[in-house]
């Protein structure tokens, strides 16, 4: 909130980020997981458990947007890599 106010006060700018639909959010999660998993050499498949985890992640943060999708993807790929190494 402070960042938005600061931009408005200094430059007269208002930035609006509209929340994604659930399906759009899940598609963005899939995109980022594909990108990150490929770089890490991780093979994965979209399934219901992954979708539920992504939705819980967004719900806990109160937002379904690109940043949230990217953060979840990084988290999920990191967990998968940790599981491979333990």
PDB file of N, CA and C in Angstrom:
ATOM      1  N   UNK A   1       0.829  -1.189   0.000  1.00  0.00           N
ATOM      2  CA  UNK A   1       0.000   0.000   0.000  1.00  0.00           C
ATOM      3  C   UNK A   1       0.870   1.248   0.000  1.00  0.00           C
ATOM      4  N   UNK A   2       1.924   1.250   0.801  1.00  0.00           N
ATOM      5  CA  UNK A   2       2.797   2.420   0.858  1.00  0.00           C
ATOM      6  C   UNK A   2       3.439   2.697  -0.497  1.00  0.00           C
ATOM      7  N   UNK A   3       3.819   1.627  -1.219  1.00  0.00           N
ATOM      8  CA  UNK A   3       4.417   1.810  -2.544  1.00  0.00           C
ATOM      9  C   UNK A   3       3.439   2.480  -3.498  1.00  0.00           C
ATOM     10  N   UNK A   4       2.178   2.064  -3.452  1.00  0.00           N
ATOM     11  CA  UNK A   4       1.169   2.655  -4.326  1.00  0.00           C
ATOM     12  C   UNK A   4       0.970   4.130  -3.994  1.00  0.00           C
ATOM     13  N   UNK A   5       0.918   4.426  -2.709  1.00  0.00           N
ATOM     14  CA  UNK A   5       0.740   5.814  -2.291  1.00  0.00           C
ATOM     15  C   UNK A   5       1.952   6.638  -2.697  1.00  0.00           C
ATOM     16  N   UNK A   6       3.133   6.089  -2.524  1.00  0.00           N
ATOM     17  CA  UNK A   6       4.354   6.809  -2.880  1.00  0.00           C
ATOM     18  C   UNK A   6       4.384   7.120  -4.374  1.00  0.00           C
ATOM     19  N   UNK A   7       4.023   6.175  -5.217  1.00  0.00           N
ATOM     20  CA  UNK A   7       3.986   6.422  -6.661  1.00  0.00           C
ATOM     21  C   UNK A   7       2.970   7.502  -7.004  1.00  0.00           C
ATOM     22  N   UNK A   8       1.827   7.416  -6.363  1.00  0.00           N
ATOM     23  CA  UNK A   8       0.786   8.394  -6.629  1.00  0.00           C
ATOM     24  C   UNK A   8       1.213   9.788  -6.186  1.00  0.00           C
ATOM     25  N   UNK A   9       1.794   9.881  -4.997  1.00  0.00           N
ATOM     26  CA  UNK A   9       2.231  11.178  -4.478  1.00  0.00           C
ATOM     27  C   UNK A   9       3.328  11.792  -5.334  1.00  0.00           C
ATOM     28  N   UNK A  10       4.287  10.986  -5.740  1.00  0.00           N
ATOM     29  CA  UNK A  10       5.433  11.517  -6.474  1.00  0.00           C
ATOM     30  C   UNK A  10       5.160  11.775  -7.941  1.00  0.00           C
ATOM     31  N   UNK A  11       4.455  10.847  -8.575  1.00  0.00           N
ATOM     32  CA  UNK A  11       4.333  10.917 -10.029  1.00  0.00           C
ATOM     33  C   UNK A  11       2.899  10.992 -10.540  1.00  0.00           C
ATOM     34  N   UNK A  12       1.948  10.922  -9.653  1.00  0.00           N
ATOM     35  CA  UNK A  12       0.555  10.921 -10.092  1.00  0.00           C
ATOM     36  C   UNK A  12       0.156   9.641 -10.793  1.00  0.00           C
ATOM     37  N   UNK A  13       0.880   8.547 -10.520  1.00  0.00           N
ATOM     38  CA  UNK A  13       0.613   7.257 -11.168  1.00  0.00           C
ATOM     39  C   UNK A  13      -0.187   6.345 -10.257  1.00  0.00           C
ATOM     40  N   UNK A  14      -1.094   5.630 -10.857  1.00  0.00           N
ATOM     41  CA  UNK A  14      -1.819   4.576 -10.154  1.00  0.00           C
ATOM     42  C   UNK A  14      -1.642   3.291 -10.951  1.00  0.00           C
ATOM     43  N   UNK A  15      -1.137   2.266 -10.300  1.00  0.00           N
ATOM     44  CA  UNK A  15      -0.976   0.963 -10.952  1.00  0.00           C
ATOM     45  C   UNK A  15      -2.037   0.021 -10.424  1.00  0.00           C
ATOM     46  N   UNK A  16      -2.769  -0.585 -11.315  1.00  0.00           N
ATOM     47  CA  UNK A  16      -3.796  -1.538 -10.919  1.00  0.00           C
ATOM     48  C   UNK A  16      -3.432  -2.911 -11.453  1.00  0.00           C
ATOM     49  N   UNK A  17      -3.516  -3.888 -10.602  1.00  0.00           N
ATOM     50  CA  UNK A  17      -3.272  -5.267 -10.990  1.00  0.00           C
ATOM     51  C   UNK A  17      -4.552  -6.038 -10.729  1.00  0.00           C
ATOM     52  N   UNK A  18      -5.133  -6.534 -11.782  1.00  0.00           N
ATOM     53  CA  UNK A  18      -6.381  -7.260 -11.643  1.00  0.00           C
ATOM     54  C   UNK A  18      -6.088  -8.726 -11.362  1.00  0.00           C
ATOM     55  N   UNK A  19      -6.842  -9.318 -10.453  1.00  0.00           N
ATOM     56  CA  UNK A  19      -6.603 -10.731 -10.140  1.00  0.00           C
ATOM     57  C   UNK A  19      -6.955 -11.622 -11.327  1.00  0.00           C
ATOM     58  N   UNK A  20      -6.214 -12.723 -11.434  1.00  0.00           N
ATOM     59  CA  UNK A  20      -6.475 -13.703 -12.482  1.00  0.00           C
ATOM     60  C   UNK A  20      -7.685 -14.543 -12.102  1.00  0.00           C
ATOM     61  N   UNK A  21      -8.324 -15.103 -13.109  1.00  0.00           N
ATOM     62  CA  UNK A  21      -9.289 -16.159 -12.827  1.00  0.00           C
ATOM     63  C   UNK A  21      -8.485 -17.358 -12.333  1.00  0.00           C
ATOM     64  N   UNK A  22      -9.159 -18.279 -11.705  1.00  0.00           N
ATOM     65  CA  UNK A  22      -8.451 -19.449 -11.185  1.00  0.00           C
ATOM     66  C   UNK A  22      -7.773 -20.226 -12.313  1.00  0.00           C
ATOM     67  N   UNK A  23      -8.462 -20.403 -13.428  1.00  0.00           N
ATOM     68  CA  UNK A  23      -7.884 -21.165 -14.544  1.00  0.00           C
ATOM     69  C   UNK A  23      -6.672 -20.445 -15.130  1.00  0.00           C
ATOM     70  N   UNK A  24      -6.761 -19.132 -15.268  1.00  0.00           N
ATOM     71  CA  UNK A  24      -5.624 -18.363 -15.784  1.00  0.00           C
ATOM     72  C   UNK A  24      -4.445 -18.464 -14.817  1.00  0.00           C
ATOM     73  N   UNK A  25      -4.717 -18.337 -13.533  1.00  0.00           N
ATOM     74  CA  UNK A  25      -3.670 -18.472 -12.517  1.00  0.00           C
ATOM     75  C   UNK A  25      -2.984 -19.832 -12.629  1.00  0.00           C
ATOM     76  N   UNK A  26      -3.766 -20.897 -12.740  1.00  0.00           N
ATOM     77  CA  UNK A  26      -3.189 -22.243 -12.836  1.00  0.00           C
ATOM     78  C   UNK A  26      -2.388 -22.412 -14.128  1.00  0.00           C
ATOM     79  N   UNK A  27      -2.813 -21.796 -15.202  1.00  0.00           N
ATOM     80  CA  UNK A  27      -2.044 -21.849 -16.450  1.00  0.00           C
ATOM     81  C   UNK A  27      -0.711 -21.127 -16.309  1.00  0.00           C
ATOM     82  N   UNK A  28      -0.699 -20.012 -15.598  1.00  0.00           N
ATOM     83  CA  UNK A  28       0.556 -19.285 -15.372  1.00  0.00           C
ATOM     84  C   UNK A  28       1.472 -20.091 -14.455  1.00  0.00           C
ATOM     85  N   UNK A  29       0.904 -20.727 -13.440  1.00  0.00           N
ATOM     86  CA  UNK A  29       1.693 -21.620 -12.578  1.00  0.00           C
ATOM     87  C   UNK A  29       2.328 -22.710 -13.433  1.00  0.00           C
ATOM     88  N   UNK A  30       1.543 -23.315 -14.307  1.00  0.00           N
ATOM     89  CA  UNK A  30       2.061 -24.372 -15.181  1.00  0.00           C
ATOM     90  C   UNK A  30       3.201 -23.851 -16.052  1.00  0.00           C
ATOM     91  N   UNK A  31       3.030 -22.670 -16.603  1.00  0.00           N
ATOM     92  CA  UNK A  31       4.085 -22.076 -17.431  1.00  0.00           C
ATOM     93  C   UNK A  31       5.380 -21.935 -16.639  1.00  0.00           C
ATOM     94  N   UNK A  32       5.293 -21.346 -15.446  1.00  0.00           N
ATOM     95  CA  UNK A  32       6.513 -21.108 -14.668  1.00  0.00           C
ATOM     96  C   UNK A  32       7.140 -22.398 -14.167  1.00  0.00           C
ATOM     97  N   UNK A  33       6.324 -23.355 -13.774  1.00  0.00           N
ATOM     98  CA  UNK A  33       6.896 -24.637 -13.345  1.00  0.00           C
ATOM     99  C   UNK A  33       7.604 -25.295 -14.522  1.00  0.00           C
ATOM    100  N   UNK A  34       7.007 -25.247 -15.700  1.00  0.00           N
ATOM    101  CA  UNK A  34       7.646 -25.820 -16.885  1.00  0.00           C
ATOM    102  C   UNK A  34       8.999 -25.176 -17.126  1.00  0.00           C
ATOM    103  N   UNK A  35       9.050 -23.848 -17.071  1.00  0.00           N
ATOM    104  CA  UNK A  35      10.308 -23.131 -17.302  1.00  0.00           C
ATOM    105  C   UNK A  35      11.359 -23.489 -16.253  1.00  0.00           C
ATOM    106  N   UNK A  36      10.980 -23.422 -14.989  1.00  0.00           N
ATOM    107  CA  UNK A  36      11.938 -23.658 -13.904  1.00  0.00           C
ATOM    108  C   UNK A  36      12.358 -25.127 -13.826  1.00  0.00           C
ATOM    109  N   UNK A  37      11.401 -26.027 -14.024  1.00  0.00           N
ATOM    110  CA  UNK A  37      11.714 -27.456 -13.965  1.00  0.00           C
ATOM    111  C   UNK A  37      12.635 -27.857 -15.107  1.00  0.00           C
ATOM    112  N   UNK A  38      12.420 -27.290 -16.265  1.00  0.00           N
ATOM    113  CA  UNK A  38      13.267 -27.599 -17.419  1.00  0.00           C
ATOM    114  C   UNK A  38      14.709 -27.184 -17.141  1.00  0.00           C
ATOM    115  N   UNK A  39      14.902 -26.000 -16.591  1.00  0.00           N
ATOM    116  CA  UNK A  39      16.251 -25.537 -16.257  1.00  0.00           C
ATOM    117  C   UNK A  39      16.917 -26.433 -15.224  1.00  0.00           C
ATOM    118  N   UNK A  40      16.106 -26.999 -14.324  1.00  0.00           N
ATOM    119  CA  UNK A  40      16.644 -27.840 -13.260  1.00  0.00           C
ATOM    120  C   UNK A  40      16.727 -29.311 -13.658  1.00  0.00           C
ATOM    121  N   UNK A  41      16.263 -29.649 -14.861  1.00  0.00           N
ATOM    122  CA  UNK A  41      16.276 -31.038 -15.303  1.00  0.00           C
ATOM    123  C   UNK A  41      15.243 -31.892 -14.586  1.00  0.00           C
ATOM    124  N   UNK A  42      14.178 -31.272 -14.159  1.00  0.00           N
ATOM    125  CA  UNK A  42      13.128 -31.945 -13.396  1.00  0.00           C
ATOM    126  C   UNK A  42      11.967 -32.278 -14.326  1.00  0.00           C
ATOM    127  N   UNK A  43      11.497 -33.516 -14.261  1.00  0.00           N
ATOM    128  CA  UNK A  43      10.337 -33.924 -15.045  1.00  0.00           C
ATOM    129  C   UNK A  43       9.118 -33.869 -14.138  1.00  0.00           C
ATOM    130  N   UNK A  44       8.042 -33.298 -14.634  1.00  0.00           N
ATOM    131  CA  UNK A  44       6.852 -33.135 -13.809  1.00  0.00           C
ATOM    132  C   UNK A  44       5.614 -33.223 -14.679  1.00  0.00           C
ATOM    133  N   UNK A  45       4.481 -33.323 -14.020  1.00  0.00           N
ATOM    134  CA  UNK A  45       3.210 -33.409 -14.725  1.00  0.00           C
ATOM    135  C   UNK A  45       2.162 -32.671 -13.898  1.00  0.00           C
ATOM    136  N   UNK A  46       1.358 -31.860 -14.568  1.00  0.00           N
ATOM    137  CA  UNK A  46       0.283 -31.139 -13.875  1.00  0.00           C
ATOM    138  C   UNK A  46      -0.767 -32.139 -13.426  1.00  0.00           C
ATOM    139  N   UNK A  47      -1.128 -32.058 -12.154  1.00  0.00           N
ATOM    140  CA  UNK A  47      -2.164 -32.940 -11.637  1.00  0.00           C
ATOM    141  C   UNK A  47      -3.021 -32.193 -10.615  1.00  0.00           C
ATOM    142  N   UNK A  48      -4.008 -32.888 -10.111  1.00  0.00           N
ATOM    143  CA  UNK A  48      -4.961 -32.271  -9.188  1.00  0.00           C
ATOM    144  C   UNK A  48      -4.295 -31.821  -7.893  1.00  0.00           C
ATOM    145  N   UNK A  49      -3.347 -32.599  -7.381  1.00  0.00           N
ATOM    146  CA  UNK A  49      -2.667 -32.219  -6.139  1.00  0.00           C
ATOM    147  C   UNK A  49      -1.869 -30.932  -6.306  1.00  0.00           C
ATOM    148  N   UNK A  50      -1.204 -30.804  -7.433  1.00  0.00           N
ATOM    149  CA  UNK A  50      -0.455 -29.580  -7.715  1.00  0.00           C
ATOM    150  C   UNK A  50      -1.405 -28.389  -7.798  1.00  0.00           C
ATOM    151  N   UNK A  51      -2.520 -28.556  -8.490  1.00  0.00           N
ATOM    152  CA  UNK A  51      -3.485 -27.468  -8.618  1.00  0.00           C
ATOM    153  C   UNK A  51      -4.032 -27.054  -7.256  1.00  0.00           C
ATOM    154  N   UNK A  52      -4.349 -28.039  -6.420  1.00  0.00           N
ATOM    155  CA  UNK A  52      -4.858 -27.724  -5.081  1.00  0.00           C
ATOM    156  C   UNK A  52      -3.814 -26.971  -4.261  1.00  0.00           C
ATOM    157  N   UNK A  53      -2.566 -27.394  -4.359  1.00  0.00           N
ATOM    158  CA  UNK A  53      -1.492 -26.716  -3.627  1.00  0.00           C
ATOM    159  C   UNK A  53      -1.324 -25.281  -4.116  1.00  0.00           C
ATOM    160  N   UNK A  54      -1.403 -25.076  -5.420  1.00  0.00           N
ATOM    161  CA  UNK A  54      -1.270 -23.725  -5.986  1.00  0.00           C
ATOM    162  C   UNK A  54      -2.428 -22.837  -5.545  1.00  0.00           C
ATOM    163  N   UNK A  55      -3.617 -23.393  -5.507  1.00  0.00           N
ATOM    164  CA  UNK A  55      -4.786 -22.624  -5.069  1.00  0.00           C
ATOM    165  C   UNK A  55      -4.672 -22.285  -3.585  1.00  0.00           C
ATOM    166  N   UNK A  56      -4.225 -23.247  -2.772  1.00  0.00           N
ATOM    167  CA  UNK A  56      -4.020 -22.964  -1.338  1.00  0.00           C
ATOM    168  C   UNK A  56      -2.989 -21.863  -1.149  1.00  0.00           C
ATOM    169  N   UNK A  57      -1.906 -21.918  -1.933  1.00  0.00           N
ATOM    170  CA  UNK A  57      -0.850 -20.906  -1.867  1.00  0.00           C
ATOM    171  C   UNK A  57      -1.440 -19.514  -2.134  1.00  0.00           C
ATOM    172  N   UNK A  58      -2.212 -19.404  -3.212  1.00  0.00           N
ATOM    173  CA  UNK A  58      -2.804 -18.110  -3.577  1.00  0.00           C
ATOM    174  C   UNK A  58      -3.818 -17.651  -2.534  1.00  0.00           C
ATOM    175  N   UNK A  59      -4.605 -18.577  -2.024  1.00  0.00           N
ATOM    176  CA  UNK A  59      -5.603 -18.228  -1.013  1.00  0.00           C
ATOM    177  C   UNK A  59      -4.937 -17.722   0.256  1.00  0.00           C
ATOM    178  N   UNK A  60      -3.851 -18.364   0.651  1.00  0.00           N
ATOM    179  CA  UNK A  60      -3.132 -17.946   1.861  1.00  0.00           C
ATOM    180  C   UNK A  60      -2.553 -16.544   1.705  1.00  0.00           C
ATOM    181  N   UNK A  61      -2.249 -16.165   0.485  1.00  0.00           N
ATOM    182  CA  UNK A  61      -1.672 -14.838   0.228  1.00  0.00           C
ATOM    183  C   UNK A  61      -2.720 -13.823  -0.218  1.00  0.00           C
ATOM    184  N   UNK A  62      -3.943 -14.298  -0.371  1.00  0.00           N
ATOM    185  CA  UNK A  62      -5.039 -13.406  -0.723  1.00  0.00           C
ATOM    186  C   UNK A  62      -4.972 -12.844  -2.129  1.00  0.00           C
ATOM    187  N   UNK A  63      -4.296 -13.560  -3.032  1.00  0.00           N
ATOM    188  CA  UNK A  63      -4.103 -13.002  -4.363  1.00  0.00           C
ATOM    189  C   UNK A  63      -3.822 -14.089  -5.390  1.00  0.00           C
ATOM    190  N   UNK A  64      -4.408 -13.943  -6.567  1.00  0.00           N
ATOM    191  CA  UNK A  64      -4.082 -14.811  -7.707  1.00  0.00           C
ATOM    192  C   UNK A  64      -3.561 -13.911  -8.807  1.00  0.00           C
ATOM    193  N   UNK A  65      -2.250 -13.793  -8.892  1.00  0.00           N
ATOM    194  CA  UNK A  65      -1.654 -12.959  -9.938  1.00  0.00           C
ATOM    195  C   UNK A  65      -0.356 -13.599 -10.407  1.00  0.00           C
ATOM    196  N   UNK A  66       0.317 -12.951 -11.330  1.00  0.00           N
ATOM    197  CA  UNK A  66       1.543 -13.500 -11.897  1.00  0.00           C
ATOM    198  C   UNK A  66       2.653 -13.660 -10.884  1.00  0.00           C
ATOM    199  N   UNK A  67       2.796 -12.699  -9.997  1.00  0.00           N
ATOM    200  CA  UNK A  67       3.852 -12.790  -8.987  1.00  0.00           C
ATOM    201  C   UNK A  67       3.612 -13.981  -8.061  1.00  0.00           C
ATOM    202  N   UNK A  68       2.379 -14.141  -7.643  1.00  0.00           N
ATOM    203  CA  UNK A  68       2.031 -15.259  -6.763  1.00  0.00           C
ATOM    204  C   UNK A  68       2.270 -16.595  -7.480  1.00  0.00           C
ATOM    205  N   UNK A  69       1.913 -16.677  -8.747  1.00  0.00           N
ATOM    206  CA  UNK A  69       2.123 -17.899  -9.530  1.00  0.00           C
ATOM    207  C   UNK A  69       3.610 -18.216  -9.644  1.00  0.00           C
ATOM    208  N   UNK A  70       4.415 -17.201  -9.899  1.00  0.00           N
ATOM    209  CA  UNK A  70       5.863 -17.388 -10.016  1.00  0.00           C
ATOM    210  C   UNK A  70       6.465 -17.837  -8.685  1.00  0.00           C
ATOM    211  N   UNK A  71       6.046 -17.212  -7.594  1.00  0.00           N
ATOM    212  CA  UNK A  71       6.569 -17.588  -6.284  1.00  0.00           C
ATOM    213  C   UNK A  71       6.189 -19.022  -5.932  1.00  0.00           C
ATOM    214  N   UNK A  72       4.946 -19.411  -6.236  1.00  0.00           N
ATOM    215  CA  UNK A  72       4.552 -20.793  -5.981  1.00  0.00           C
ATOM    216  C   UNK A  72       5.382 -21.756  -6.820  1.00  0.00           C
ATOM    217  N   UNK A  73       5.587 -21.427  -8.085  1.00  0.00           N
ATOM    218  CA  UNK A  73       6.365 -22.304  -8.968  1.00  0.00           C
ATOM    219  C   UNK A  73       7.780 -22.491  -8.430  1.00  0.00           C
ATOM    220  N   UNK A  74       8.408 -21.411  -7.991  1.00  0.00           N
ATOM    221  CA  UNK A  74       9.761 -21.516  -7.415  1.00  0.00           C
ATOM    222  C   UNK A  74       9.754 -22.392  -6.167  1.00  0.00           C
ATOM    223  N   UNK A  75       8.765 -22.194  -5.324  1.00  0.00           N
ATOM    224  CA  UNK A  75       8.617 -22.985  -4.103  1.00  0.00           C
ATOM    225  C   UNK A  75       8.443 -24.463  -4.447  1.00  0.00           C
ATOM    226  N   UNK A  76       7.537 -24.758  -5.368  1.00  0.00           N
ATOM    227  CA  UNK A  76       7.225 -26.141  -5.702  1.00  0.00           C
ATOM    228  C   UNK A  76       8.416 -26.848  -6.339  1.00  0.00           C
ATOM    229  N   UNK A  77       9.073 -26.195  -7.278  1.00  0.00           N
ATOM    230  CA  UNK A  77      10.249 -26.795  -7.921  1.00  0.00           C
ATOM    231  C   UNK A  77      11.342 -27.018  -6.879  1.00  0.00           C
ATOM    232  N   UNK A  78      11.531 -26.071  -5.984  1.00  0.00           N
ATOM    233  CA  UNK A  78      12.518 -26.236  -4.917  1.00  0.00           C
ATOM    234  C   UNK A  78      12.221 -27.439  -4.041  1.00  0.00           C
ATOM    235  N   UNK A  79      10.960 -27.615  -3.671  1.00  0.00           N
ATOM    236  CA  UNK A  79      10.583 -28.784  -2.870  1.00  0.00           C
ATOM    237  C   UNK A  79      10.859 -30.085  -3.610  1.00  0.00           C
ATOM    238  N   UNK A  80      10.517 -30.114  -4.885  1.00  0.00           N
ATOM    239  CA  UNK A  80      10.750 -31.323  -5.679  1.00  0.00           C
ATOM    240  C   UNK A  80      12.240 -31.646  -5.774  1.00  0.00           C
ATOM    241  N   UNK A  81      13.058 -30.638  -5.945  1.00  0.00           N
ATOM    242  CA  UNK A  81      14.509 -30.858  -6.014  1.00  0.00           C
ATOM    243  C   UNK A  81      15.053 -31.333  -4.674  1.00  0.00           C
ATOM    244  N   UNK A  82      14.544 -30.788  -3.587  1.00  0.00           N
ATOM    245  CA  UNK A  82      14.971 -31.249  -2.262  1.00  0.00           C
ATOM    246  C   UNK A  82      14.608 -32.711  -2.045  1.00  0.00           C
ATOM    247  N   UNK A  83      13.409 -33.095  -2.469  1.00  0.00           N
ATOM    248  CA  UNK A  83      12.978 -34.486  -2.322  1.00  0.00           C
ATOM    249  C   UNK A  83      13.867 -35.431  -3.123  1.00  0.00           C
ATOM    250  N   UNK A  84      14.342 -34.992  -4.271  1.00  0.00           N
ATOM    251  CA  UNK A  84      15.220 -35.833  -5.088  1.00  0.00           C
ATOM    252  C   UNK A  84      16.569 -36.051  -4.419  1.00  0.00           C
ATOM    253  N   UNK A  85      17.018 -35.076  -3.660  1.00  0.00           N
ATOM    254  CA  UNK A  85      18.343 -35.151  -3.056  1.00  0.00           C
ATOM    255  C   UNK A  85      18.341 -35.700  -1.636  1.00  0.00           C
ATOM    256  N   UNK A  86      17.185 -36.095  -1.132  1.00  0.00           N
ATOM    257  CA  UNK A  86      17.149 -36.670   0.222  1.00  0.00           C
ATOM    258  C   UNK A  86      16.777 -38.118   0.186  1.00  0.00           C
TER     259      UNK A  86
END
